[in-house]
Amino acid sequence: MSHGNPGGKAVILGASGFIGVNLARTIAAKGVEPILFSRSRSPHWPAVSEVILGDLSAPPASLLDAIDGADVFHLASTARPSNSTAGAAGELIDNAAATVRLLEAAKGKACRWIFASSGGTVYGQTEAESIAEDHPNGPISSYGIAKLAIERYLHLYRRLHGTDYVVARISNPYGPFQSASTGQGLVATLLDRVANGERVEVWGDGGNVRDYIYIDDVAEALVRLAEVGAPGETYNVGSGTGTSINELIGKVSSLLGRPAKVAYTPARSVDVRRNVLDIAKIGSELGWRPALSLEDGIALTYRWLRSGQVNEPADLAAIGKG
C-alpha cells in the first residue's frame, strides 16, 4: 500500500476494535487482503482476511513474519481515558512497553508503522481555537501519556535504527461498529439513549467542545498516511470543526425527532474543555479532507444502529421520517 510496499501488504494490530474493524473493511474493499492481529476474533471482519490471534505483549512468530514488508497499522490499546491512576502501571506495560518490545523485535524488518495516537488527549488543556501538530503536549491522563510515550519511542527507533513510521493523532471517531452499551463513544451512546427515551448523563455543563469525525474518513486517512505520509511525521486526523456536547445532543434530538432527557453531573478532571484539531497539514501534504458532515455521519450511524448495515448517503433523507 505504501510507497515502500508495492505488494499492498497490510497488518492491523488491534483489529477487533472499533477503528480496526472499519479499517479492515476499508482495506479489503480496496482489493487488499488484510492480516488481522487481535486477542479475539470479530464477527465483523471481512471474509477475505488472514487472522493471527495473540497478545501484543507476547507476539507470536507468525506476526513478526507478517510484519516484514508490510504497512503495520498499530491500533492496539488496552486502555481509555480515565481520571484514575489505579491502572496506570498496567497501561504502560500493556501498551507502551509491549510496543517497544515489538519495535525491538521488528527493527530489522522492512515495514512502515502507522500509529493511531490520540488527538484528544496528548495535547491536554489548551485555550487554542484549534490545535496544530506542533502545539505543546501536556496530557492530563495516563492514557494520553502512554500514547505520547509510544510516539517518542517511534521517534527514537527512527533515529537509531531508521524505523519508518507516521503518527495519526485522531480526534473523536464515531460510526458503525462502535458499541453504545460500553459507553465507548458519545455519538453512539446518545443515539441509543435518546432513541429509547433513556436519560443521558453529561459530565459538566455540556459546554466541552470536541472534534467528531466519521470512521470511514478516519480509515481513508490512515490508508493515505500509509501510502504517502512523510516518514517520521505526525498528522492530525479530525474534522477541524468543534461541536459542544450540548450542540451534539441537539443534533441527535433533531435527527430522531424527540427531546433528550439530560442529567448534568460534576465534571471530570480528565476531560479537557476544548479540543479541536487543525487539519491543514494532512490536507496540504496528503490532499485528505473528511468527506462527511457531522449531520450526515450521525444519520448514517443511526441507520446502522437500527439495521446493522450502513446505507449510502442517498438514503439519508429518509432517516427520521415516518
Protein backbone atom coordinates (compact mmCIF):
# COMPACT_ATOMS: atom_id res chain seq x y z
CA MET A 1 0.00 0.00 0.00
CA SER A 2 2.74 2.49 0.88
CA HIS A 3 5.45 3.78 -1.44
CA GLY A 4 7.74 1.12 0.04
CA ASN A 5 5.11 -1.58 -0.06
CA PRO A 6 4.08 -2.11 -3.69
CA GLY A 7 2.58 -5.51 -2.90
CA GLY A 8 -0.10 -3.96 -0.75
CA LYS A 9 0.57 -5.96 2.42
CA ALA A 10 -1.33 -4.57 5.42
CA VAL A 11 -1.19 -5.73 9.04
CA ILE A 12 -3.66 -4.35 11.59
CA LEU A 13 -2.78 -4.63 15.28
CA GLY A 14 -5.86 -4.40 17.48
CA ALA A 15 -8.04 -5.40 14.56
CA SER A 16 -11.14 -6.33 16.58
CA GLY A 17 -11.58 -2.81 17.95
CA PHE A 18 -13.85 -0.11 16.53
CA ILE A 19 -11.24 1.52 14.28
CA GLY A 20 -9.67 -1.84 13.42
CA VAL A 21 -12.89 -3.40 12.14
CA ASN A 22 -13.65 -0.41 9.93
CA LEU A 23 -10.09 -0.15 8.64
CA ALA A 24 -10.06 -3.87 7.80
CA ARG A 25 -13.26 -3.46 5.80
CA THR A 26 -11.90 -0.38 4.01
CA ILE A 27 -8.65 -2.13 3.07
CA ALA A 28 -10.49 -5.25 1.89
CA ALA A 29 -12.79 -3.08 -0.25
CA LYS A 30 -9.66 -1.76 -1.98
CA GLY A 31 -8.74 -5.30 -3.03
CA VAL A 32 -6.09 -5.94 -0.37
CA GLU A 33 -6.36 -8.94 1.97
CA PRO A 34 -5.63 -7.54 5.44
CA ILE A 35 -3.70 -9.50 8.06
CA LEU A 36 -5.61 -9.07 11.30
CA PHE A 37 -3.97 -9.40 14.71
CA SER A 38 -6.05 -9.39 17.89
CA ARG A 39 -6.64 -11.26 21.12
CA SER A 40 -10.05 -12.39 19.86
CA ARG A 41 -11.96 -12.69 16.60
CA SER A 42 -14.57 -10.20 15.44
CA PRO A 43 -17.73 -11.27 13.57
CA HIS A 44 -17.47 -8.03 11.60
CA TRP A 45 -14.15 -8.74 9.89
CA PRO A 46 -14.20 -9.07 6.09
CA ALA A 47 -14.24 -12.65 4.85
CA VAL A 48 -11.04 -12.12 2.88
CA SER A 49 -8.68 -11.77 5.84
CA GLU A 50 -5.74 -13.60 7.31
CA VAL A 51 -6.12 -13.87 11.08
CA ILE A 52 -3.39 -14.13 13.72
CA LEU A 53 -4.59 -14.38 17.32
CA GLY A 54 -2.35 -13.41 20.22
CA ASP A 55 -1.33 -10.74 22.69
CA LEU A 56 0.76 -7.70 21.84
CA SER A 57 2.89 -8.25 24.94
CA ALA A 58 3.96 -11.69 23.64
CA PRO A 59 3.64 -11.53 19.84
CA PRO A 60 3.78 -14.88 18.04
CA ALA A 61 6.48 -15.56 15.46
CA SER A 62 3.82 -15.55 12.74
CA LEU A 63 3.11 -11.88 13.46
CA LEU A 64 6.78 -10.93 13.14
CA ASP A 65 6.88 -12.76 9.81
CA ALA A 66 3.73 -10.93 8.67
CA ILE A 67 5.15 -7.52 9.63
CA ASP A 68 8.11 -7.91 7.29
CA GLY A 69 7.42 -5.86 4.16
CA ALA A 70 4.05 -4.60 5.42
CA ASP A 71 2.24 -1.43 6.38
CA VAL A 72 1.61 -2.03 10.08
CA PHE A 73 -1.39 -0.16 11.46
CA HIS A 74 -0.91 -0.04 15.22
CA LEU A 75 -4.39 0.45 16.72
CA ALA A 76 -3.98 -1.84 19.74
CA SER A 77 -4.79 -0.30 23.13
CA THR A 78 -5.93 -1.84 26.39
CA ALA A 79 -6.92 1.50 27.94
CA ARG A 80 -9.17 4.51 27.56
CA PRO A 81 -9.03 7.99 29.11
CA SER A 82 -9.75 7.95 32.85
CA ASN A 83 -9.09 10.20 35.82
CA SER A 84 -7.92 7.16 37.79
CA THR A 85 -4.26 6.19 38.11
CA ALA A 86 -5.03 2.77 39.58
CA GLY A 87 -4.25 1.07 36.27
CA ALA A 88 -1.51 3.44 35.10
CA ALA A 89 1.35 0.96 35.57
CA GLY A 90 -0.58 -1.72 33.71
CA GLU A 91 -1.34 0.70 30.86
CA LEU A 92 2.35 1.44 30.43
CA ILE A 93 3.27 -2.25 30.48
CA ASP A 94 0.44 -3.43 28.20
CA ASN A 95 0.73 -0.58 25.69
CA ALA A 96 3.98 1.38 25.72
CA ALA A 97 6.30 -1.41 26.92
CA ALA A 98 4.62 -4.00 24.67
CA THR A 99 5.02 -1.69 21.67
CA VAL A 100 8.70 -1.08 22.42
CA ARG A 101 9.31 -4.83 22.65
CA LEU A 102 7.64 -5.27 19.28
CA LEU A 103 9.64 -2.41 17.73
CA GLU A 104 12.82 -4.02 19.03
CA ALA A 105 11.88 -7.42 17.60
CA ALA A 106 10.96 -5.88 14.24
CA LYS A 107 13.71 -3.28 13.89
CA GLY A 108 15.48 -5.25 11.16
CA LYS A 109 12.35 -5.71 9.08
CA ALA A 110 11.28 -3.51 6.16
CA CYS A 111 7.93 -2.17 7.28
CA ARG A 112 6.08 1.10 7.80
CA TRP A 113 4.33 1.76 11.11
CA ILE A 114 1.15 3.82 11.14
CA PHE A 115 0.46 4.54 14.80
CA ALA A 116 -3.01 5.59 15.92
CA SER A 117 -2.29 8.10 18.65
CA SER A 118 -4.82 10.35 20.36
CA GLY A 119 -5.54 13.86 19.15
CA GLY A 120 -7.89 14.23 22.08
CA THR A 121 -5.50 13.50 24.96
CA VAL A 122 -1.85 14.10 24.01
CA TYR A 123 -2.28 17.88 23.81
CA GLY A 124 -4.02 18.38 27.18
CA GLN A 125 -5.75 21.56 28.34
CA THR A 126 -5.47 24.48 25.93
CA GLU A 127 -7.29 27.69 25.10
CA ALA A 128 -6.39 27.36 21.41
CA GLU A 129 -9.24 27.57 18.91
CA SER A 130 -7.64 24.71 17.00
CA ILE A 131 -4.54 22.64 17.73
CA ALA A 132 -1.77 22.09 15.20
CA GLU A 133 0.72 19.24 15.39
CA ASP A 134 3.47 21.47 16.82
CA HIS A 135 1.32 22.51 19.80
CA PRO A 136 2.92 21.67 23.18
CA ASN A 137 1.97 18.30 24.66
CA GLY A 138 0.55 18.25 28.17
CA PRO A 139 -1.60 15.12 28.60
CA ILE A 140 -3.74 15.05 31.75
CA SER A 141 -4.49 11.31 31.74
CA SER A 142 -2.37 8.18 31.95
CA TYR A 143 -3.88 7.13 28.61
CA GLY A 144 -2.54 10.26 26.90
CA ILE A 145 0.89 9.86 28.48
CA ALA A 146 1.14 6.26 27.24
CA LYS A 147 0.18 7.34 23.70
CA LEU A 148 2.77 10.12 23.76
CA ALA A 149 5.41 7.73 25.08
CA ILE A 150 4.85 5.42 22.10
CA GLU A 151 5.21 8.39 19.75
CA ARG A 152 8.53 9.27 21.39
CA TYR A 153 9.81 5.70 21.14
CA LEU A 154 8.93 5.58 17.44
CA HIS A 155 10.99 8.76 17.01
CA LEU A 156 13.87 7.16 18.92
CA TYR A 157 13.76 3.99 16.82
CA ARG A 158 13.75 6.06 13.65
CA ARG A 159 16.81 7.98 14.84
CA LEU A 160 18.73 4.91 15.99
CA HIS A 161 17.54 2.23 13.55
CA GLY A 162 15.90 4.05 10.62
CA THR A 163 12.39 2.81 11.54
CA ASP A 164 9.80 4.08 9.06
CA TYR A 165 6.68 5.43 10.76
CA VAL A 166 3.94 8.04 10.67
CA VAL A 167 1.71 9.09 13.57
CA ALA A 168 -2.03 9.79 13.24
CA ARG A 169 -3.40 11.89 16.08
CA ILE A 170 -7.09 11.06 15.74
CA SER A 171 -9.81 13.24 17.28
CA ASN A 172 -13.16 11.66 18.30
CA PRO A 173 -14.14 8.97 15.77
CA TYR A 174 -17.69 7.64 15.63
CA GLY A 175 -19.80 5.45 13.38
CA PRO A 176 -20.74 1.82 12.70
CA PHE A 177 -19.37 -0.93 14.97
CA GLN A 178 -18.91 1.46 17.89
CA SER A 179 -20.59 0.00 20.95
CA ALA A 180 -23.28 2.11 22.62
CA SER A 181 -23.56 -0.30 25.55
CA THR A 182 -19.98 0.19 26.74
CA GLY A 183 -20.06 3.97 26.54
CA GLN A 184 -17.22 3.73 24.03
CA GLY A 185 -18.37 6.72 22.00
CA LEU A 186 -20.62 9.66 22.78
CA VAL A 187 -22.43 9.68 19.42
CA ALA A 188 -23.42 6.00 19.64
CA THR A 189 -24.42 6.39 23.28
CA LEU A 190 -26.55 9.47 22.59
CA LEU A 191 -28.32 7.83 19.65
CA ASP A 192 -29.08 4.76 21.73
CA ARG A 193 -30.27 6.64 24.84
CA VAL A 194 -32.35 9.28 23.06
CA ALA A 195 -33.95 6.73 20.71
CA ASN A 196 -35.00 4.64 23.71
CA GLY A 197 -36.14 7.57 25.83
CA GLU A 198 -33.42 6.92 28.41
CA ARG A 199 -31.60 9.51 30.47
CA VAL A 200 -28.37 10.95 29.08
CA GLU A 201 -25.74 11.68 31.73
CA VAL A 202 -23.39 14.55 30.91
CA TRP A 203 -20.27 15.27 32.96
CA GLY A 204 -20.07 19.02 33.46
CA ASP A 205 -22.26 21.68 31.87
CA GLY A 206 -22.27 20.25 28.34
CA GLY A 207 -20.06 23.04 27.07
CA ASN A 208 -17.00 20.87 26.45
CA VAL A 209 -16.07 21.11 22.76
CA ARG A 210 -14.78 18.17 20.73
CA ASP A 211 -13.86 17.35 17.15
CA TYR A 212 -16.03 14.47 15.87
CA ILE A 213 -15.06 12.57 12.72
CA TYR A 214 -16.87 9.76 10.89
CA ILE A 215 -15.00 6.47 10.96
CA ASP A 216 -14.87 5.99 7.16
CA ASP A 217 -12.97 9.27 6.92
CA VAL A 218 -10.53 8.05 9.59
CA ALA A 219 -9.94 4.79 7.71
CA GLU A 220 -9.28 6.66 4.47
CA ALA A 221 -6.84 8.96 6.27
CA LEU A 222 -4.93 6.00 7.72
CA VAL A 223 -4.63 4.40 4.28
CA ARG A 224 -3.45 7.72 2.83
CA LEU A 225 -0.84 8.03 5.59
CA ALA A 226 0.44 4.54 4.76
CA GLU A 227 0.69 5.43 1.09
CA VAL A 228 2.17 8.93 1.08
CA GLY A 229 2.69 10.17 4.65
CA ALA A 230 6.15 11.65 5.18
CA PRO A 231 8.38 9.31 7.24
CA GLY A 232 8.71 10.37 10.87
CA GLU A 233 5.91 12.93 10.64
CA THR A 234 2.81 13.42 12.80
CA TYR A 235 -0.59 14.29 11.31
CA ASN A 236 -3.81 15.38 12.97
CA VAL A 237 -6.85 13.44 11.73
CA GLY A 238 -10.12 15.18 12.55
CA SER A 239 -12.92 17.27 11.13
CA GLY A 240 -11.32 20.58 12.05
CA THR A 241 -14.67 21.72 13.47
CA GLY A 242 -15.65 22.00 17.12
CA THR A 243 -19.02 20.84 18.49
CA SER A 244 -20.07 21.13 22.12
CA ILE A 245 -21.78 18.24 23.88
CA ASN A 246 -24.96 20.30 24.13
CA GLU A 247 -24.83 21.01 20.39
CA LEU A 248 -24.30 17.31 19.68
CA ILE A 249 -27.30 16.41 21.84
CA GLY A 250 -29.33 18.94 19.85
CA LYS A 251 -28.28 17.39 16.53
CA VAL A 252 -29.20 13.89 17.73
CA SER A 253 -32.56 15.08 19.10
CA SER A 254 -33.31 16.85 15.83
CA LEU A 255 -32.48 13.76 13.77
CA LEU A 256 -34.61 11.47 15.92
CA GLY A 257 -37.42 13.96 16.34
CA ARG A 258 -37.56 13.59 20.12
CA PRO A 259 -36.10 15.54 23.06
CA ALA A 260 -33.18 14.24 25.08
CA LYS A 261 -33.53 13.67 28.83
CA VAL A 262 -30.27 15.18 30.07
CA ALA A 263 -28.85 14.91 33.60
CA TYR A 264 -25.80 17.07 34.30
CA THR A 265 -23.28 15.71 36.83
CA PRO A 266 -19.96 17.10 38.14
CA ALA A 267 -17.22 17.47 35.54
CA ARG A 268 -14.29 15.04 35.44
CA SER A 269 -10.75 16.35 35.85
CA VAL A 270 -9.60 14.19 32.94
CA ASP A 271 -11.82 15.96 30.39
CA VAL A 272 -10.26 18.91 28.57
CA ARG A 273 -12.57 21.85 27.97
CA ARG A 274 -11.86 22.28 24.27
CA ASN A 275 -10.15 20.06 21.73
CA VAL A 276 -10.42 20.86 18.02
CA LEU A 277 -7.69 19.70 15.66
CA ASP A 278 -6.09 21.81 12.95
CA ILE A 279 -6.05 19.54 9.88
CA ALA A 280 -4.25 21.90 7.49
CA LYS A 281 -1.09 19.75 7.39
CA ILE A 282 -2.71 16.49 6.26
CA GLY A 283 -4.81 18.49 3.79
CA SER A 284 -1.91 20.32 2.16
CA GLU A 285 0.61 17.46 2.21
CA LEU A 286 -1.63 14.46 1.55
CA GLY A 287 -4.71 16.00 -0.06
CA TRP A 288 -7.02 14.45 2.53
CA ARG A 289 -10.17 16.03 3.89
CA PRO A 290 -13.15 14.45 5.64
CA ALA A 291 -15.96 13.66 3.22
CA LEU A 292 -18.93 13.53 5.59
CA SER A 293 -20.53 16.30 7.62
CA LEU A 294 -21.37 15.62 11.26
CA GLU A 295 -25.10 15.62 10.49
CA ASP A 296 -24.73 13.05 7.69
CA GLY A 297 -22.36 10.94 9.76
CA ILE A 298 -24.77 10.85 12.70
CA ALA A 299 -27.59 9.87 10.36
CA LEU A 300 -25.56 7.02 8.86
CA THR A 301 -24.59 5.85 12.34
CA TYR A 302 -28.22 5.78 13.42
CA ARG A 303 -29.17 3.87 10.26
CA TRP A 304 -26.53 1.29 11.14
CA LEU A 305 -27.63 1.05 14.78
CA ARG A 306 -31.18 0.35 13.64
CA SER A 307 -30.47 -2.11 10.85
CA GLY A 308 -26.94 -3.36 11.36
CA GLN A 309 -25.77 -2.17 7.98
CA VAL A 310 -24.62 1.12 6.52
CA ASN A 311 -26.63 2.61 3.68
CA GLU A 312 -25.44 5.05 1.09
CA PRO A 313 -25.67 8.80 1.78
CA ALA A 314 -28.52 8.99 -0.75
CA ASP A 315 -30.71 7.27 1.86
CA LEU A 316 -30.12 9.98 4.45
CA ALA A 317 -33.21 11.98 3.57
CA ALA A 318 -35.42 9.09 4.63
CA ILE A 319 -33.94 8.82 8.12
CA GLY A 320 -36.11 10.15 10.90
CA LYS A 321 -39.25 10.26 8.76
CA GLY A 322 -42.27 8.04 9.11
